[in-house]
Amino acid sequence: MEKPLEKIISENIRREIETSGKTKSEIARAIGVSNPTVSQYCSGRAQPTLATLSKLCAFLDCSADDILNL
């Protein structure tokens, strides 16, 4: 049984954040969201908009393909 896309995205966001060495606070400030929102992205309780995903990828120096599992 395949994982839901939301779960895959949250796992990939969490991995990219851990790999970056940046804190959730730094990321939240850089992409214009709150710290709890970044935590929600990591847990799968929320998904970033395309605009926010673009900012997140630019800040973490990763591609949207890495996050979206394309």
PDB file of N, CA and C in Angstrom:
ATOM      1  N   MET A   1       0.837  -1.178   0.000  1.00  0.00           N
ATOM      2  CA  MET A   1       0.000   0.000   0.000  1.00  0.00           C
ATOM      3  C   MET A   1       0.883   1.243   0.000  1.00  0.00           C
ATOM      4  N   GLU A   2       0.608   2.158  -0.911  1.00  0.00           N
ATOM      5  CA  GLU A   2       1.407   3.371  -1.033  1.00  0.00           C
ATOM      6  C   GLU A   2       1.035   4.382   0.039  1.00  0.00           C
ATOM      7  N   LYS A   3       2.042   5.186   0.416  1.00  0.00           N
ATOM      8  CA  LYS A   3       1.797   6.268   1.370  1.00  0.00           C
ATOM      9  C   LYS A   3       1.029   7.384   0.678  1.00  0.00           C
ATOM     10  N   PRO A   4       0.197   8.093   1.443  1.00  0.00           N
ATOM     11  CA  PRO A   4      -0.476   9.257   0.860  1.00  0.00           C
ATOM     12  C   PRO A   4       0.549  10.333   0.505  1.00  0.00           C
ATOM     13  N   LEU A   5       0.257  11.103  -0.525  1.00  0.00           N
ATOM     14  CA  LEU A   5       1.171  12.144  -0.986  1.00  0.00           C
ATOM     15  C   LEU A   5       1.503  13.135   0.130  1.00  0.00           C
ATOM     16  N   GLU A   6       0.530  13.483   0.959  1.00  0.00           N
ATOM     17  CA  GLU A   6       0.764  14.420   2.050  1.00  0.00           C
ATOM     18  C   GLU A   6       1.837  13.903   3.000  1.00  0.00           C
ATOM     19  N   LYS A   7       1.821  12.619   3.276  1.00  0.00           N
ATOM     20  CA  LYS A   7       2.814  11.992   4.164  1.00  0.00           C
ATOM     21  C   LYS A   7       4.199  12.038   3.520  1.00  0.00           C
ATOM     22  N   ILE A   8       4.268  11.741   2.244  1.00  0.00           N
ATOM     23  CA  ILE A   8       5.543  11.769   1.520  1.00  0.00           C
ATOM     24  C   ILE A   8       6.117  13.181   1.537  1.00  0.00           C
ATOM     25  N   ILE A   9       5.276  14.178   1.256  1.00  0.00           N
ATOM     26  CA  ILE A   9       5.739  15.565   1.232  1.00  0.00           C
ATOM     27  C   ILE A   9       6.256  15.977   2.603  1.00  0.00           C
ATOM     28  N   SER A  10       5.520  15.656   3.657  1.00  0.00           N
ATOM     29  CA  SER A  10       5.963  16.053   5.001  1.00  0.00           C
ATOM     30  C   SER A  10       7.285  15.370   5.367  1.00  0.00           C
ATOM     31  N   GLU A  11       7.447  14.102   5.021  1.00  0.00           N
ATOM     32  CA  GLU A  11       8.704  13.398   5.290  1.00  0.00           C
ATOM     33  C   GLU A  11       9.861  14.045   4.522  1.00  0.00           C
ATOM     34  N   ASN A  12       9.604  14.426   3.287  1.00  0.00           N
ATOM     35  CA  ASN A  12      10.654  15.046   2.475  1.00  0.00           C
ATOM     36  C   ASN A  12      11.013  16.431   2.990  1.00  0.00           C
ATOM     37  N   ILE A  13      10.015  17.197   3.427  1.00  0.00           N
ATOM     38  CA  ILE A  13      10.302  18.508   4.010  1.00  0.00           C
ATOM     39  C   ILE A  13      11.147  18.330   5.264  1.00  0.00           C
ATOM     40  N   ARG A  14      10.754  17.407   6.130  1.00  0.00           N
ATOM     41  CA  ARG A  14      11.496  17.145   7.367  1.00  0.00           C
ATOM     42  C   ARG A  14      12.941  16.743   7.058  1.00  0.00           C
ATOM     43  N   ARG A  15      13.126  15.880   6.078  1.00  0.00           N
ATOM     44  CA  ARG A  15      14.475  15.439   5.696  1.00  0.00           C
ATOM     45  C   ARG A  15      15.318  16.610   5.204  1.00  0.00           C
ATOM     46  N   GLU A  16      14.748  17.434   4.335  1.00  0.00           N
ATOM     47  CA  GLU A  16      15.498  18.571   3.792  1.00  0.00           C
ATOM     48  C   GLU A  16      15.862  19.574   4.883  1.00  0.00           C
ATOM     49  N   ILE A  17      14.966  19.777   5.845  1.00  0.00           N
ATOM     50  CA  ILE A  17      15.263  20.676   6.960  1.00  0.00           C
ATOM     51  C   ILE A  17      16.405  20.111   7.800  1.00  0.00           C
ATOM     52  N   GLU A  18      16.333  18.828   8.119  1.00  0.00           N
ATOM     53  CA  GLU A  18      17.392  18.196   8.914  1.00  0.00           C
ATOM     54  C   GLU A  18      18.734  18.260   8.196  1.00  0.00           C
ATOM     55  N   THR A  19      18.719  18.022   6.905  1.00  0.00           N
ATOM     56  CA  THR A  19      19.956  18.045   6.109  1.00  0.00           C
ATOM     57  C   THR A  19      20.543  19.445   6.028  1.00  0.00           C
ATOM     58  N   SER A  20      19.683  20.456   6.014  1.00  0.00           N
ATOM     59  CA  SER A  20      20.143  21.837   5.850  1.00  0.00           C
ATOM     60  C   SER A  20      20.904  22.354   7.058  1.00  0.00           C
ATOM     61  N   GLY A  21      20.592  21.832   8.243  1.00  0.00           N
ATOM     62  CA  GLY A  21      21.215  22.334   9.458  1.00  0.00           C
ATOM     63  C   GLY A  21      20.606  23.642   9.943  1.00  0.00           C
ATOM     64  N   LYS A  22      19.564  24.108   9.284  1.00  0.00           N
ATOM     65  CA  LYS A  22      18.901  25.346   9.676  1.00  0.00           C
ATOM     66  C   LYS A  22      17.794  25.033  10.681  1.00  0.00           C
ATOM     67  N   THR A  23      17.509  26.013  11.532  1.00  0.00           N
ATOM     68  CA  THR A  23      16.449  25.813  12.514  1.00  0.00           C
ATOM     69  C   THR A  23      15.098  26.139  11.896  1.00  0.00           C
ATOM     70  N   LYS A  24      14.056  25.620  12.517  1.00  0.00           N
ATOM     71  CA  LYS A  24      12.707  25.919  12.043  1.00  0.00           C
ATOM     72  C   LYS A  24      12.416  27.412  12.161  1.00  0.00           C
ATOM     73  N   SER A  25      12.986  28.053  13.167  1.00  0.00           N
ATOM     74  CA  SER A  25      12.805  29.506  13.334  1.00  0.00           C
ATOM     75  C   SER A  25      13.419  30.268  12.174  1.00  0.00           C
ATOM     76  N   GLU A  26      14.633  29.881  11.780  1.00  0.00           N
ATOM     77  CA  GLU A  26      15.290  30.530  10.637  1.00  0.00           C
ATOM     78  C   GLU A  26      14.467  30.343   9.370  1.00  0.00           C
ATOM     79  N   ILE A  27      13.982  29.141   9.192  1.00  0.00           N
ATOM     80  CA  ILE A  27      13.201  28.820   7.994  1.00  0.00           C
ATOM     81  C   ILE A  27      11.897  29.619   7.988  1.00  0.00           C
ATOM     82  N   ALA A  28      11.208  29.627   9.117  1.00  0.00           N
ATOM     83  CA  ALA A  28       9.937  30.352   9.210  1.00  0.00           C
ATOM     84  C   ALA A  28      10.133  31.825   8.865  1.00  0.00           C
ATOM     85  N   ARG A  29      11.158  32.438   9.430  1.00  0.00           N
ATOM     86  CA  ARG A  29      11.450  33.849   9.160  1.00  0.00           C
ATOM     87  C   ARG A  29      11.737  34.075   7.683  1.00  0.00           C
ATOM     88  N   ALA A  30      12.519  33.186   7.095  1.00  0.00           N
ATOM     89  CA  ALA A  30      12.942  33.347   5.701  1.00  0.00           C
ATOM     90  C   ALA A  30      11.795  33.186   4.706  1.00  0.00           C
ATOM     91  N   ILE A  31      10.841  32.315   5.027  1.00  0.00           N
ATOM     92  CA  ILE A  31       9.766  32.064   4.064  1.00  0.00           C
ATOM     93  C   ILE A  31       8.459  32.765   4.428  1.00  0.00           C
ATOM     94  N   GLY A  32       8.473  33.481   5.552  1.00  0.00           N
ATOM     95  CA  GLY A  32       7.312  34.301   5.907  1.00  0.00           C
ATOM     96  C   GLY A  32       6.143  33.574   6.534  1.00  0.00           C
ATOM     97  N   VAL A  33       6.449  32.540   7.309  1.00  0.00           N
ATOM     98  CA  VAL A  33       5.392  31.823   8.041  1.00  0.00           C
ATOM     99  C   VAL A  33       5.807  31.742   9.508  1.00  0.00           C
ATOM    100  N   SER A  34       4.912  31.240  10.355  1.00  0.00           N
ATOM    101  CA  SER A  34       5.226  31.102  11.780  1.00  0.00           C
ATOM    102  C   SER A  34       5.974  29.792  12.048  1.00  0.00           C
ATOM    103  N   ASN A  35       6.629  29.726  13.212  1.00  0.00           N
ATOM    104  CA  ASN A  35       7.306  28.486  13.606  1.00  0.00           C
ATOM    105  C   ASN A  35       6.343  27.306  13.651  1.00  0.00           C
ATOM    106  N   PRO A  36       5.136  27.484  14.251  1.00  0.00           N
ATOM    107  CA  PRO A  36       4.200  26.344  14.265  1.00  0.00           C
ATOM    108  C   PRO A  36       3.810  25.877  12.860  1.00  0.00           C
ATOM    109  N   THR A  37       3.770  26.779  11.907  1.00  0.00           N
ATOM    110  CA  THR A  37       3.423  26.383  10.536  1.00  0.00           C
ATOM    111  C   THR A  37       4.490  25.474   9.958  1.00  0.00           C
ATOM    112  N   VAL A  38       5.756  25.797  10.192  1.00  0.00           N
ATOM    113  CA  VAL A  38       6.842  24.933   9.713  1.00  0.00           C
ATOM    114  C   VAL A  38       6.717  23.558  10.367  1.00  0.00           C
ATOM    115  N   SER A  39       6.409  23.530  11.652  1.00  0.00           N
ATOM    116  CA  SER A  39       6.217  22.247  12.342  1.00  0.00           C
ATOM    117  C   SER A  39       5.053  21.469  11.739  1.00  0.00           C
ATOM    118  N   GLN A  40       3.998  22.181  11.352  1.00  0.00           N
ATOM    119  CA  GLN A  40       2.859  21.516  10.722  1.00  0.00           C
ATOM    120  C   GLN A  40       3.232  20.938   9.362  1.00  0.00           C
ATOM    121  N   TYR A  41       4.089  21.626   8.623  1.00  0.00           N
ATOM    122  CA  TYR A  41       4.570  21.085   7.344  1.00  0.00           C
ATOM    123  C   TYR A  41       5.333  19.776   7.591  1.00  0.00           C
ATOM    124  N   CYS A  42       6.130  19.744   8.648  1.00  0.00           N
ATOM    125  CA  CYS A  42       6.935  18.559   8.949  1.00  0.00           C
ATOM    126  C   CYS A  42       6.095  17.382   9.434  1.00  0.00           C
ATOM    127  N   SER A  43       5.000  17.685  10.100  1.00  0.00           N
ATOM    128  CA  SER A  43       4.162  16.612  10.648  1.00  0.00           C
ATOM    129  C   SER A  43       3.069  16.163   9.682  1.00  0.00           C
ATOM    130  N   GLY A  44       2.856  16.949   8.622  1.00  0.00           N
ATOM    131  CA  GLY A  44       1.822  16.591   7.665  1.00  0.00           C
ATOM    132  C   GLY A  44       0.456  17.164   7.989  1.00  0.00           C
ATOM    133  N   ARG A  45       0.365  17.963   9.055  1.00  0.00           N
ATOM    134  CA  ARG A  45      -0.926  18.579   9.403  1.00  0.00           C
ATOM    135  C   ARG A  45      -1.279  19.734   8.483  1.00  0.00           C
ATOM    136  N   ALA A  46      -0.279  20.260   7.756  1.00  0.00           N
ATOM    137  CA  ALA A  46      -0.510  21.342   6.790  1.00  0.00           C
ATOM    138  C   ALA A  46       0.445  21.143   5.625  1.00  0.00           C
ATOM    139  N   GLN A  47       0.071  21.688   4.476  1.00  0.00           N
ATOM    140  CA  GLN A  47       0.912  21.624   3.282  1.00  0.00           C
ATOM    141  C   GLN A  47       1.203  23.059   2.836  1.00  0.00           C
ATOM    142  N   PRO A  48       2.430  23.322   2.415  1.00  0.00           N
ATOM    143  CA  PRO A  48       2.743  24.677   1.951  1.00  0.00           C
ATOM    144  C   PRO A  48       2.045  24.982   0.625  1.00  0.00           C
ATOM    145  N   THR A  49       1.713  26.255   0.434  1.00  0.00           N
ATOM    146  CA  THR A  49       1.210  26.677  -0.874  1.00  0.00           C
ATOM    147  C   THR A  49       2.360  26.566  -1.865  1.00  0.00           C
ATOM    148  N   LEU A  50       2.055  26.668  -3.135  1.00  0.00           N
ATOM    149  CA  LEU A  50       3.122  26.613  -4.142  1.00  0.00           C
ATOM    150  C   LEU A  50       4.124  27.750  -3.955  1.00  0.00           C
ATOM    151  N   ALA A  51       3.620  28.942  -3.630  1.00  0.00           N
ATOM    152  CA  ALA A  51       4.518  30.082  -3.417  1.00  0.00           C
ATOM    153  C   ALA A  51       5.430  29.839  -2.221  1.00  0.00           C
ATOM    154  N   THR A  52       4.870  29.294  -1.146  1.00  0.00           N
ATOM    155  CA  THR A  52       5.670  29.007   0.041  1.00  0.00           C
ATOM    156  C   THR A  52       6.638  27.862  -0.221  1.00  0.00           C
ATOM    157  N   LEU A  53       6.199  26.863  -0.958  1.00  0.00           N
ATOM    158  CA  LEU A  53       7.084  25.753  -1.315  1.00  0.00           C
ATOM    159  C   LEU A  53       8.274  26.264  -2.116  1.00  0.00           C
ATOM    160  N   SER A  54       8.022  27.186  -3.026  1.00  0.00           N
ATOM    161  CA  SER A  54       9.102  27.771  -3.821  1.00  0.00           C
ATOM    162  C   SER A  54      10.111  28.478  -2.927  1.00  0.00           C
ATOM    163  N   LYS A  55       9.629  29.268  -1.961  1.00  0.00           N
ATOM    164  CA  LYS A  55      10.524  29.965  -1.017  1.00  0.00           C
ATOM    165  C   LYS A  55      11.291  28.965  -0.159  1.00  0.00           C
ATOM    166  N   LEU A  56      10.592  27.925   0.281  1.00  0.00           N
ATOM    167  CA  LEU A  56      11.220  26.901   1.116  1.00  0.00           C
ATOM    168  C   LEU A  56      12.345  26.206   0.363  1.00  0.00           C
ATOM    169  N   CYS A  57      12.084  25.831  -0.874  1.00  0.00           N
ATOM    170  CA  CYS A  57      13.109  25.155  -1.684  1.00  0.00           C
ATOM    171  C   CYS A  57      14.299  26.070  -1.936  1.00  0.00           C
ATOM    172  N   ALA A  58      14.041  27.337  -2.216  1.00  0.00           N
ATOM    173  CA  ALA A  58      15.133  28.277  -2.451  1.00  0.00           C
ATOM    174  C   ALA A  58      15.972  28.430  -1.188  1.00  0.00           C
ATOM    175  N   PHE A  59      15.328  28.542  -0.031  1.00  0.00           N
ATOM    176  CA  PHE A  59      16.058  28.731   1.214  1.00  0.00           C
ATOM    177  C   PHE A  59      16.834  27.482   1.604  1.00  0.00           C
ATOM    178  N   LEU A  60      16.262  26.314   1.362  1.00  0.00           N
ATOM    179  CA  LEU A  60      16.931  25.057   1.726  1.00  0.00           C
ATOM    180  C   LEU A  60      17.869  24.553   0.633  1.00  0.00           C
ATOM    181  N   ASP A  61      17.884  25.247  -0.501  1.00  0.00           N
ATOM    182  CA  ASP A  61      18.725  24.866  -1.634  1.00  0.00           C
ATOM    183  C   ASP A  61      18.426  23.434  -2.093  1.00  0.00           C
ATOM    184  N   CYS A  62      17.132  23.189  -2.306  1.00  0.00           N
ATOM    185  CA  CYS A  62      16.703  21.893  -2.837  1.00  0.00           C
ATOM    186  C   CYS A  62      15.681  22.164  -3.935  1.00  0.00           C
ATOM    187  N   SER A  63      15.313  21.146  -4.653  1.00  0.00           N
ATOM    188  CA  SER A  63      14.333  21.343  -5.721  1.00  0.00           C
ATOM    189  C   SER A  63      12.948  20.907  -5.250  1.00  0.00           C
ATOM    190  N   ALA A  64      11.933  21.446  -5.888  1.00  0.00           N
ATOM    191  CA  ALA A  64      10.563  21.033  -5.590  1.00  0.00           C
ATOM    192  C   ALA A  64      10.396  19.549  -5.903  1.00  0.00           C
ATOM    193  N   ASP A  65      11.131  19.053  -6.880  1.00  0.00           N
ATOM    194  CA  ASP A  65      11.082  17.624  -7.201  1.00  0.00           C
ATOM    195  C   ASP A  65      11.477  16.777  -5.995  1.00  0.00           C
ATOM    196  N   ASP A  66      12.465  17.261  -5.231  1.00  0.00           N
ATOM    197  CA  ASP A  66      12.898  16.530  -4.032  1.00  0.00           C
ATOM    198  C   ASP A  66      11.787  16.460  -2.997  1.00  0.00           C
ATOM    199  N   ILE A  67      11.050  17.561  -2.855  1.00  0.00           N
ATOM    200  CA  ILE A  67       9.977  17.614  -1.863  1.00  0.00           C
ATOM    201  C   ILE A  67       8.745  16.848  -2.340  1.00  0.00           C
ATOM    202  N   LEU A  68       8.382  17.030  -3.608  1.00  0.00           N
ATOM    203  CA  LEU A  68       7.161  16.442  -4.144  1.00  0.00           C
ATOM    204  C   LEU A  68       7.339  14.995  -4.598  1.00  0.00           C
ATOM    205  N   ASN A  69       8.581  14.519  -4.539  1.00  0.00           N
ATOM    206  CA  ASN A  69       8.886  13.131  -4.898  1.00  0.00           C
ATOM    207  C   ASN A  69       8.591  12.850  -6.364  1.00  0.00           C
ATOM    208  N   LEU A  70       8.946  13.813  -7.224  1.00  0.00           N
ATOM    209  CA  LEU A  70       8.712  13.648  -8.660  1.00  0.00           C
ATOM    210  C   LEU A  70       9.890  12.990  -9.340  1.00  0.00           C
TER     211      LEU A  70
END
